Protein backbone atom coordinates (compact mmCIF):
# COMPACT_ATOMS: atom_id res chain seq x y z
CA MET A 1 1.42 3.53 -11.68
CA PRO A 2 1.92 3.81 -7.93
CA ILE A 3 2.53 7.09 -6.08
CA TYR A 4 5.21 7.02 -3.54
CA ASP A 5 5.63 9.53 -0.55
CA VAL A 6 9.25 10.72 -0.32
CA ARG A 7 10.92 12.93 2.35
CA CYS A 8 13.92 14.99 1.87
CA ARG A 9 16.55 14.44 4.81
CA THR A 10 18.05 18.02 4.18
CA CYS A 11 15.08 20.09 4.27
CA GLY A 12 12.24 17.90 5.68
CA THR A 13 9.97 18.44 2.72
CA THR A 14 7.45 15.42 1.92
CA PHE A 15 6.60 15.02 -1.68
CA GLU A 16 5.14 12.37 -4.02
CA VAL A 17 6.86 10.74 -7.06
CA ASN A 18 4.76 8.52 -9.66
CA ARG A 19 6.81 5.66 -10.97
CA PRO A 20 6.73 2.06 -11.77
CA MET A 21 6.99 -0.37 -8.82
CA ALA A 22 10.40 -1.63 -10.40
CA ARG A 23 11.68 1.80 -9.72
CA ALA A 24 10.20 2.39 -6.30
CA ASP A 25 13.64 2.64 -4.52
CA ASP A 26 15.28 4.90 -7.31
CA PRO A 27 16.75 8.11 -5.95
CA ALA A 28 14.30 11.02 -6.09
CA VAL A 29 15.34 14.52 -5.92
CA CYS A 30 13.36 16.80 -3.66
CA PRO A 31 11.55 20.11 -4.99
CA GLY A 32 14.25 22.03 -3.36
CA GLY A 33 17.07 20.32 -5.47
CA HIS A 34 18.46 18.14 -2.51
CA GLU A 35 19.23 14.51 -3.24
CA ASP A 36 19.31 13.07 0.33
CA THR A 37 15.80 11.47 0.25
CA VAL A 38 14.04 8.46 1.61
CA ARG A 39 10.86 6.64 0.51
CA LEU A 40 8.23 6.55 3.36
CA LEU A 41 6.45 3.21 4.14
CA PRO A 42 2.47 3.62 3.54
CA VAL A 43 0.54 3.41 6.71
CA VAL A 44 -2.99 2.04 6.68
CA THR A 45 -5.05 2.04 9.87
CA MET A 46 -8.54 0.56 10.71
CA THR A 47 -10.39 1.98 13.68
CA GLY A 48 -13.73 1.62 15.11
CA LEU A 49 -16.55 -0.58 13.71
CA ALA A 50 -14.77 -1.25 10.35
CA LYS A 51 -11.86 -2.74 12.19
CA ALA A 52 -14.05 -4.89 14.61
CA SER A 53 -16.02 -6.09 11.60
CA ALA A 54 -13.19 -7.02 9.46
CA VAL A 55 -11.56 -8.95 12.35
CA GLN A 56 -14.78 -10.73 13.10
CA LYS A 57 -15.19 -11.75 9.30
CA VAL A 58 -11.46 -13.11 9.13
CA ARG A 59 -11.80 -15.14 12.20
CA ALA A 60 -15.10 -16.51 10.90
CA GLY A 61 -13.50 -17.26 7.36
CA ASP A 62 -16.54 -15.15 5.91
CA LEU A 63 -14.64 -12.80 3.70
CA PRO A 64 -16.16 -12.17 0.23
CA HIS A 65 -14.55 -13.65 -2.69
CA PRO A 66 -13.62 -11.97 -5.82
CA VAL A 67 -15.99 -12.65 -8.72
CA HIS A 68 -13.69 -13.51 -11.70
CA SER A 69 -13.14 -16.59 -14.00
CA GLY A 70 -9.60 -17.60 -12.16
CA GLY A 71 -11.04 -18.41 -8.76
CA CYS A 72 -9.49 -16.98 -5.39
CA GLY A 73 -6.02 -18.54 -5.79
CA ASN A 74 -4.16 -21.30 -4.04
CA GLY A 75 -5.81 -22.52 -0.63
CA CYS A 76 -9.22 -20.86 -1.14
CA ARG A 77 -12.22 -23.04 -0.45
CA CYS A 78 -14.64 -21.14 -2.30
CA ALA A 79 -16.68 -22.80 -5.25
CA SER A 80 -15.50 -20.58 -8.02
């Protein structure tokens, strides 16, 4: 089950809630009992050589393909 970061608008506390994706936007009460909260968007960053390497692989079309019986999905040119 996903974990979502939530911030209380009243006291500024940031906390986590663990719930199904279908309930991701349901209201959450902060540990201080306040109900005015907002779910934070996840932030993903890539820096340094990892980013450069990933960008080069995407441009070259040389990303690894998942190994499973169903293939990669629509539009994939791999042989699986």
